[in-house]
Amino acid sequence: MCFLFEPGVYKRTIRNAIKISNKRGVPIEAGQADCKRLQLDVTRSWLSSGIVKRILLNLDKCGVLKGRTITELSILHSLPGCLEQDEHTDWSDSEIKRSLRHDGIKPMVCIAALKGTSWLLISDGDRVRRRLSLEPGNALVFEGDLIHAGGSQGATSSTRLYIRFGRRGNNIYLVVDH
């Protein structure tokens, strides 16, 4: 887990993200059917937003972007009372194998907390779980085959930026120069 951006600098962007995800976000499920976890895929224009540029710059400085580019960019918004998800991975086995066969690079995910405390449960596959909290400005970067679940939300909402990274030849977004 790392600190990727200063949330106070991007108040307007974060406020807009919450507003549009509440209006147009689609309920997503991973075992829970409470319709309180919303996802909104955002357009390429978000790539030029300061917050995404800052996240990409800091990930690049850490050396984790080599050979990877954004393949999905979404806003996730969990409403109060949102239930815990079932354990899952964000990339299928076949997607990971194809990427490894092609260039030896595993897909990865970045979840950056924008507002409110976000909860994530990490599993080692043997039901040993670790509950992590992400505060605004923090992000968790992990390989696409990590078994995890979004945590239950409690009485407050939270909003996150969700970024999937795949191999450079498989991108649906343009590569952003920093």
Foldseek 3Di string as FASTA:
>chain_A
DDFQDDLVVCVVVLVVQVVVQVVDFFQDAQADDPSQKTKDWDDLVCCPDPSNVSNVVVCVVVVQCVQKAWATKMKIKGAAQAAKHAKDFQDDPVQQVVQCVVPNRFKKKKKAWNADKWWKWWDPVPPDIDIDIHHHRDMDMGTRGTIMMTHTDHGHMTMIMMTIMGGPVNHPHDGDDD
